[in-house]
Amino acid sequence: MANVDEDYIADPSSNDYVNKVKEHASKDNSEVITVCGKIEEEISVLEDNEKKEFLEELGLKESGLDKLIRASYQLLGLISFFTTGPMESKAWTIVKGTKAPQAAGKIHSDIERGFIRAEVTSYKDVEECGSMLAAKEKGLMRLEGKDYVMEDGDIVLFRFNV
């Protein structure tokens, strides 16, 4: 990770020190995340809508923290799937390549033990359709079995019987 001044955050490659860090990291096939600690501190106290506006003003698509989290997930081989219901939605972290029954086991061992099938809709489809119901009505919800390998961003309802 390279901490840069606000003047360099929109174009970190214009900073010679960042370029030296990237050159060194490339020898180890490592990634360099550039952040500006001062900007991250300012972002931390803003509301979500203000954060987005602030980042846009700086010419940034995402915060340094978001970049760090994304890079960490990739480095560790992790993905997330979601469960949702009338009371709450929750993200679950699993190792990439995990099959549906084992993913269900992250929620509760009984769900894994009694796994029947998974009703899966991608987050992207739900976002484009506007709701789970609209995605289902368009036929974008799939029924998956025990051999289904979970994908990053899957929204899942596990069917089970114990």
Protein backbone atom coordinates (compact mmCIF):
# COMPACT_ATOMS: atom_id res chain seq x y z
CA MET A 1 0.00 0.00 0.00
CA ALA A 2 1.26 3.45 -0.87
CA ASN A 3 0.04 6.50 1.03
CA VAL A 4 0.10 9.57 -1.21
CA ASP A 5 -0.70 13.25 -0.91
CA GLU A 6 -4.12 14.44 -2.13
CA ASP A 7 -2.40 15.94 -5.19
CA TYR A 8 -1.46 12.45 -6.42
CA ILE A 9 -4.52 10.38 -5.53
CA ALA A 10 -6.31 10.86 -8.87
CA ASP A 11 -3.13 9.99 -10.81
CA PRO A 12 -0.75 8.06 -8.54
CA SER A 13 1.47 7.06 -11.48
CA SER A 14 2.69 10.67 -11.60
CA ASN A 15 4.39 10.07 -8.23
CA ASP A 16 7.94 8.72 -8.56
CA TYR A 17 7.81 7.01 -5.16
CA VAL A 18 4.62 5.15 -6.06
CA ASN A 19 6.28 3.99 -9.27
CA LYS A 20 9.27 2.70 -7.29
CA VAL A 21 6.96 0.81 -4.89
CA LYS A 22 5.06 -0.68 -7.86
CA GLU A 23 8.34 -1.72 -9.51
CA HIS A 24 9.48 -3.43 -6.32
CA ALA A 25 6.09 -5.11 -5.81
CA SER A 26 6.00 -6.41 -9.39
CA LYS A 27 9.07 -8.53 -8.64
CA ASP A 28 6.92 -10.46 -6.15
CA ASN A 29 3.80 -10.40 -8.36
CA SER A 30 2.20 -8.13 -5.76
CA GLU A 31 -0.37 -5.41 -6.19
CA VAL A 32 0.00 -1.86 -4.89
CA ILE A 33 -3.01 -0.01 -3.53
CA THR A 34 -2.67 3.76 -3.41
CA VAL A 35 -4.53 5.66 -0.72
CA CYS A 36 -4.48 9.09 0.78
CA GLY A 37 -4.78 8.79 4.55
CA LYS A 38 -6.10 12.33 4.87
CA ILE A 39 -8.87 11.69 2.32
CA GLU A 40 -9.74 8.33 3.94
CA GLU A 41 -10.11 10.10 7.27
CA GLU A 42 -12.43 12.70 5.71
CA ILE A 43 -14.49 9.99 3.99
CA SER A 44 -14.91 8.05 7.25
CA VAL A 45 -17.13 10.74 8.78
CA LEU A 46 -19.36 11.31 5.72
CA GLU A 47 -22.78 9.81 5.02
CA ASP A 48 -22.96 7.36 2.07
CA ASN A 49 -24.44 9.86 -0.40
CA GLU A 50 -21.84 12.47 0.63
CA LYS A 51 -19.02 9.93 0.22
CA LYS A 52 -20.00 9.26 -3.37
CA GLU A 53 -20.19 12.96 -4.18
CA PHE A 54 -16.86 13.65 -2.46
CA LEU A 55 -15.11 10.85 -4.36
CA GLU A 56 -16.54 12.07 -7.68
CA GLU A 57 -15.21 15.57 -6.98
CA LEU A 58 -11.76 14.04 -6.51
CA GLY A 59 -12.05 11.98 -9.70
CA LEU A 60 -12.16 8.68 -7.80
CA LYS A 61 -14.51 5.74 -8.33
CA GLU A 62 -14.01 4.20 -4.87
CA SER A 63 -12.28 4.79 -1.57
CA GLY A 64 -8.89 3.39 -0.69
CA LEU A 65 -10.56 1.19 1.92
CA ASP A 66 -12.83 -0.32 -0.74
CA LYS A 67 -9.79 -0.96 -2.96
CA LEU A 68 -7.98 -2.62 -0.07
CA ILE A 69 -10.94 -4.87 0.77
CA ARG A 70 -11.38 -5.92 -2.87
CA ALA A 71 -7.65 -6.69 -3.25
CA SER A 72 -7.63 -8.61 0.05
CA TYR A 73 -10.58 -10.77 -1.01
CA GLN A 74 -8.86 -11.52 -4.32
CA LEU A 75 -5.54 -12.32 -2.65
CA LEU A 76 -7.22 -14.65 -0.15
CA GLY A 77 -9.45 -16.29 -2.78
CA LEU A 78 -12.69 -15.19 -1.12
CA ILE A 79 -16.13 -14.31 -2.51
CA SER A 80 -19.44 -13.28 -0.95
CA PHE A 81 -22.97 -14.52 -1.38
CA PHE A 82 -26.13 -13.03 0.07
CA THR A 83 -29.23 -14.23 1.85
CA THR A 84 -32.20 -11.95 2.18
CA GLY A 85 -35.59 -11.96 3.81
CA PRO A 86 -38.26 -9.61 5.11
CA MET A 87 -36.27 -8.67 8.21
CA GLU A 88 -32.67 -8.52 6.98
CA SER A 89 -30.16 -9.19 4.25
CA LYS A 90 -26.78 -10.65 5.05
CA ALA A 91 -23.49 -11.20 3.24
CA TRP A 92 -21.57 -14.44 3.82
CA THR A 93 -17.89 -14.87 2.98
CA ILE A 94 -16.69 -18.17 1.52
CA VAL A 95 -13.67 -19.49 -0.34
CA LYS A 96 -13.95 -19.26 -4.12
CA GLY A 97 -14.94 -22.68 -5.50
CA THR A 98 -17.24 -23.57 -2.59
CA LYS A 99 -20.24 -25.70 -3.55
CA ALA A 100 -23.79 -24.75 -2.53
CA PRO A 101 -24.21 -27.24 0.36
CA GLN A 102 -20.95 -26.14 1.99
CA ALA A 103 -21.92 -22.48 1.51
CA ALA A 104 -25.22 -23.27 3.23
CA GLY A 105 -23.19 -24.76 6.06
CA LYS A 106 -21.68 -21.32 6.71
CA ILE A 107 -25.15 -20.26 7.81
CA HIS A 108 -25.94 -23.38 9.85
CA SER A 109 -24.74 -26.98 9.79
CA ASP A 110 -28.35 -28.23 9.62
CA ILE A 111 -28.86 -26.41 6.30
CA GLU A 112 -25.81 -28.16 4.85
CA ARG A 113 -26.87 -31.54 6.24
CA GLY A 114 -30.43 -31.29 4.88
CA PHE A 115 -29.58 -29.43 1.65
CA ILE A 116 -32.12 -30.01 -1.13
CA ARG A 117 -31.43 -27.20 -3.59
CA ALA A 118 -30.53 -23.54 -3.87
CA GLU A 119 -32.65 -20.86 -5.51
CA VAL A 120 -30.01 -18.54 -6.98
CA THR A 121 -30.24 -15.08 -8.54
CA SER A 122 -27.22 -12.94 -9.32
CA TYR A 123 -26.90 -9.56 -7.65
CA LYS A 124 -26.36 -7.98 -11.08
CA ASP A 125 -29.71 -9.36 -12.32
CA VAL A 126 -31.55 -8.11 -9.24
CA GLU A 127 -29.95 -4.70 -9.57
CA GLU A 128 -30.90 -4.46 -13.27
CA CYS A 129 -34.48 -5.65 -12.66
CA GLY A 130 -35.01 -3.55 -9.56
CA SER A 131 -36.11 -6.36 -7.21
CA MET A 132 -35.89 -10.08 -6.52
CA LEU A 133 -39.50 -10.51 -7.61
CA ALA A 134 -38.90 -8.78 -10.95
CA ALA A 135 -35.80 -10.92 -11.59
CA LYS A 136 -37.77 -14.07 -10.76
CA GLU A 137 -40.63 -13.02 -13.07
CA LYS A 138 -38.09 -12.58 -15.89
CA GLY A 139 -36.90 -16.14 -15.30
CA LEU A 140 -33.52 -15.10 -13.93
CA MET A 141 -33.77 -17.17 -10.74
CA ARG A 142 -32.20 -20.61 -11.16
CA LEU A 143 -32.60 -23.84 -9.22
CA GLU A 144 -29.18 -25.32 -8.46
CA GLY A 145 -28.20 -28.65 -6.94
CA LYS A 146 -25.44 -30.03 -4.77
CA ASP A 147 -22.74 -29.62 -7.44
CA TYR A 148 -23.36 -25.91 -7.99
CA VAL A 149 -20.23 -23.81 -7.38
CA MET A 150 -21.19 -20.53 -5.77
CA GLU A 151 -20.41 -17.31 -7.65
CA ASP A 152 -19.50 -13.95 -6.18
CA GLY A 153 -22.67 -11.92 -5.69
CA ASP A 154 -25.14 -14.82 -5.74
CA ILE A 155 -28.35 -14.14 -3.80
CA VAL A 156 -29.50 -17.49 -2.45
CA LEU A 157 -32.45 -19.11 -0.77
CA PHE A 158 -31.42 -22.54 0.47
CA ARG A 159 -34.09 -25.23 0.55
CA PHE A 160 -33.41 -27.94 3.11
CA ASN A 161 -35.10 -30.59 5.22
CA VAL A 162 -33.81 -31.82 8.56
